[in-house]
Amino acid sequence: MNSKIPHRPGAAHAPLSDTLPTKGGEDPDVRFLAENTDLSPKQARELIREHGHDRDKLLEIARTMKAEG
């Protein structure tokens, strides 16, 4: 068992990993938008799909959007 992650009862079938889950998953742009705006990871993924990976442009658009309720 990995000594870096504390034991969690009921997590016997969880995959072992040296990293903890991060907001937005593995995509660094999704994570960046979710952490720096009020967007959910789902909204961030959709925004990137529609407008590309230009972070300045994405931040500008994200600031005009409301967080998912």
N, C-alpha and C. Protein backbone atom coordinates (compact mmCIF):
# COMPACT_ATOMS: atom_id res chain seq x y z
N MET A 1 0.84 -1.19 0.00
CA MET A 1 0.00 0.00 0.00
C MET A 1 0.88 1.25 0.00
N ASN A 2 0.44 2.28 -0.63
CA ASN A 2 1.18 3.52 -0.76
C ASN A 2 1.15 4.28 0.57
N SER A 3 2.32 4.60 1.11
CA SER A 3 2.38 5.28 2.41
C SER A 3 2.13 6.78 2.32
N LYS A 4 2.12 7.35 1.10
CA LYS A 4 1.89 8.78 0.95
C LYS A 4 0.42 9.16 1.10
N ILE A 5 -0.47 8.24 0.77
CA ILE A 5 -1.90 8.52 0.82
C ILE A 5 -2.47 7.81 2.05
N PRO A 6 -3.21 8.53 2.91
CA PRO A 6 -3.73 7.90 4.12
C PRO A 6 -4.74 6.81 3.79
N HIS A 7 -4.85 5.84 4.70
CA HIS A 7 -5.81 4.76 4.55
C HIS A 7 -7.22 5.32 4.64
N ARG A 8 -8.07 4.93 3.70
CA ARG A 8 -9.46 5.35 3.71
C ARG A 8 -10.34 4.11 3.76
N PRO A 9 -11.10 3.89 4.82
CA PRO A 9 -11.99 2.74 4.88
C PRO A 9 -12.93 2.73 3.69
N GLY A 10 -13.12 1.57 3.09
CA GLY A 10 -14.03 1.46 1.95
C GLY A 10 -13.37 1.76 0.63
N ALA A 11 -12.09 2.11 0.62
CA ALA A 11 -11.42 2.45 -0.63
C ALA A 11 -10.53 1.31 -1.12
N ALA A 12 -10.84 0.09 -0.71
CA ALA A 12 -10.00 -1.06 -1.05
C ALA A 12 -9.88 -1.27 -2.55
N HIS A 13 -10.90 -0.91 -3.29
CA HIS A 13 -10.89 -1.14 -4.73
C HIS A 13 -10.47 0.09 -5.54
N ALA A 14 -10.12 1.16 -4.85
CA ALA A 14 -9.68 2.37 -5.54
C ALA A 14 -8.30 2.13 -6.13
N PRO A 15 -8.04 2.65 -7.33
CA PRO A 15 -6.71 2.46 -7.93
C PRO A 15 -5.63 3.15 -7.11
N LEU A 16 -4.48 2.50 -6.98
CA LEU A 16 -3.36 3.10 -6.27
C LEU A 16 -2.68 4.11 -7.18
N SER A 17 -2.34 5.25 -6.63
CA SER A 17 -1.73 6.31 -7.42
C SER A 17 -0.90 7.19 -6.49
N ASP A 18 0.16 7.78 -7.03
CA ASP A 18 0.97 8.71 -6.25
C ASP A 18 0.39 10.12 -6.27
N THR A 19 -0.64 10.34 -7.08
CA THR A 19 -1.23 11.67 -7.17
C THR A 19 -2.67 11.62 -6.71
N LEU A 20 -3.11 12.68 -6.10
CA LEU A 20 -4.50 12.79 -5.71
C LEU A 20 -5.27 13.43 -6.85
N PRO A 21 -6.58 13.17 -6.94
CA PRO A 21 -7.36 13.78 -8.02
C PRO A 21 -7.32 15.31 -7.92
N THR A 22 -7.29 15.96 -9.05
CA THR A 22 -7.28 17.42 -9.06
C THR A 22 -8.52 17.93 -9.77
N LYS A 23 -8.95 19.12 -9.43
CA LYS A 23 -10.11 19.72 -10.04
C LYS A 23 -9.87 19.84 -11.55
N GLY A 24 -10.73 19.25 -12.34
CA GLY A 24 -10.57 19.34 -13.78
C GLY A 24 -9.92 18.14 -14.41
N GLY A 25 -9.47 17.19 -13.61
CA GLY A 25 -8.89 15.99 -14.16
C GLY A 25 -7.48 16.19 -14.69
N GLU A 26 -7.14 15.50 -15.76
CA GLU A 26 -5.78 15.48 -16.27
C GLU A 26 -5.45 16.62 -17.24
N ASP A 27 -6.45 17.23 -17.84
CA ASP A 27 -6.19 18.29 -18.82
C ASP A 27 -5.74 19.56 -18.10
N PRO A 28 -4.52 20.03 -18.33
CA PRO A 28 -4.04 21.21 -17.60
C PRO A 28 -4.84 22.48 -17.89
N ASP A 29 -5.38 22.61 -19.10
CA ASP A 29 -6.18 23.80 -19.40
C ASP A 29 -7.52 23.76 -18.68
N VAL A 30 -8.14 22.59 -18.60
CA VAL A 30 -9.39 22.46 -17.86
C VAL A 30 -9.14 22.77 -16.40
N ARG A 31 -8.09 22.20 -15.85
CA ARG A 31 -7.75 22.44 -14.45
C ARG A 31 -7.47 23.92 -14.21
N PHE A 32 -6.72 24.56 -15.10
CA PHE A 32 -6.41 25.98 -14.98
C PHE A 32 -7.68 26.83 -14.95
N LEU A 33 -8.59 26.57 -15.89
CA LEU A 33 -9.83 27.35 -15.94
C LEU A 33 -10.69 27.12 -14.70
N ALA A 34 -10.82 25.87 -14.29
CA ALA A 34 -11.66 25.55 -13.14
C ALA A 34 -11.10 26.18 -11.87
N GLU A 35 -9.79 26.24 -11.74
CA GLU A 35 -9.17 26.79 -10.54
C GLU A 35 -9.13 28.32 -10.54
N ASN A 36 -9.16 28.93 -11.72
CA ASN A 36 -9.00 30.38 -11.81
C ASN A 36 -10.27 31.13 -12.19
N THR A 37 -11.38 30.41 -12.32
CA THR A 37 -12.66 31.04 -12.65
C THR A 37 -13.74 30.36 -11.83
N ASP A 38 -14.97 30.77 -12.04
CA ASP A 38 -16.11 30.14 -11.37
C ASP A 38 -16.68 28.99 -12.19
N LEU A 39 -15.99 28.57 -13.23
CA LEU A 39 -16.49 27.49 -14.08
C LEU A 39 -16.26 26.14 -13.43
N SER A 40 -17.18 25.22 -13.72
CA SER A 40 -16.98 23.83 -13.32
C SER A 40 -16.04 23.19 -14.35
N PRO A 41 -15.43 22.06 -14.01
CA PRO A 41 -14.60 21.36 -15.00
C PRO A 41 -15.37 21.04 -16.28
N LYS A 42 -16.65 20.68 -16.14
CA LYS A 42 -17.48 20.38 -17.32
C LYS A 42 -17.61 21.62 -18.22
N GLN A 43 -17.88 22.77 -17.60
CA GLN A 43 -18.00 24.00 -18.37
C GLN A 43 -16.66 24.37 -19.01
N ALA A 44 -15.58 24.18 -18.29
CA ALA A 44 -14.25 24.50 -18.81
C ALA A 44 -13.94 23.63 -20.04
N ARG A 45 -14.24 22.33 -19.97
CA ARG A 45 -14.01 21.44 -21.12
C ARG A 45 -14.79 21.90 -22.34
N GLU A 46 -16.06 22.27 -22.12
CA GLU A 46 -16.90 22.71 -23.23
C GLU A 46 -16.36 24.01 -23.84
N LEU A 47 -15.93 24.93 -23.00
CA LEU A 47 -15.38 26.20 -23.47
C LEU A 47 -14.13 25.95 -24.32
N ILE A 48 -13.26 25.07 -23.87
CA ILE A 48 -12.04 24.74 -24.62
C ILE A 48 -12.39 24.08 -25.95
N ARG A 49 -13.39 23.20 -25.93
CA ARG A 49 -13.82 22.53 -27.16
C ARG A 49 -14.33 23.56 -28.17
N GLU A 50 -15.04 24.59 -27.69
CA GLU A 50 -15.61 25.59 -28.59
C GLU A 50 -14.61 26.66 -29.04
N HIS A 51 -13.64 27.02 -28.17
CA HIS A 51 -12.81 28.19 -28.44
C HIS A 51 -11.31 27.92 -28.50
N GLY A 52 -10.88 26.68 -28.30
CA GLY A 52 -9.46 26.37 -28.39
C GLY A 52 -8.75 26.52 -27.05
N HIS A 53 -7.42 26.53 -27.10
CA HIS A 53 -6.61 26.49 -25.88
C HIS A 53 -5.91 27.80 -25.53
N ASP A 54 -6.32 28.91 -26.11
CA ASP A 54 -5.72 30.20 -25.79
C ASP A 54 -6.23 30.64 -24.41
N ARG A 55 -5.37 30.54 -23.39
CA ARG A 55 -5.79 30.80 -22.01
C ARG A 55 -6.30 32.22 -21.80
N ASP A 56 -5.68 33.20 -22.42
CA ASP A 56 -6.15 34.58 -22.26
C ASP A 56 -7.57 34.74 -22.80
N LYS A 57 -7.81 34.18 -23.97
CA LYS A 57 -9.15 34.24 -24.57
C LYS A 57 -10.15 33.47 -23.71
N LEU A 58 -9.75 32.29 -23.23
CA LEU A 58 -10.64 31.48 -22.39
C LEU A 58 -10.99 32.19 -21.09
N LEU A 59 -10.00 32.82 -20.46
CA LEU A 59 -10.27 33.57 -19.23
C LEU A 59 -11.23 34.72 -19.47
N GLU A 60 -11.05 35.41 -20.58
CA GLU A 60 -11.93 36.53 -20.91
C GLU A 60 -13.37 36.05 -21.08
N ILE A 61 -13.55 34.94 -21.79
CA ILE A 61 -14.90 34.40 -22.00
C ILE A 61 -15.47 33.87 -20.69
N ALA A 62 -14.64 33.17 -19.91
CA ALA A 62 -15.10 32.57 -18.66
C ALA A 62 -15.59 33.62 -17.67
N ARG A 63 -14.97 34.78 -17.68
CA ARG A 63 -15.38 35.84 -16.75
C ARG A 63 -16.79 36.35 -17.04
N THR A 64 -17.26 36.12 -18.25
CA THR A 64 -18.61 36.57 -18.60
C THR A 64 -19.67 35.51 -18.34
N MET A 65 -19.23 34.31 -17.98
CA MET A 65 -20.16 33.21 -17.77
C MET A 65 -20.47 33.05 -16.28
N LYS A 66 -21.64 32.50 -16.00
CA LYS A 66 -22.01 32.21 -14.61
C LYS A 66 -21.62 30.77 -14.30
N ALA A 67 -21.31 30.53 -13.06
CA ALA A 67 -20.98 29.18 -12.61
C ALA A 67 -22.22 28.29 -12.71
N GLU A 68 -21.98 27.02 -12.97
CA GLU A 68 -23.05 26.04 -13.06
C GLU A 68 -23.67 25.86 -11.68
N GLY A 69 -24.98 25.86 -11.60
CA GLY A 69 -25.65 25.82 -10.31
C GLY A 69 -26.09 24.48 -9.85
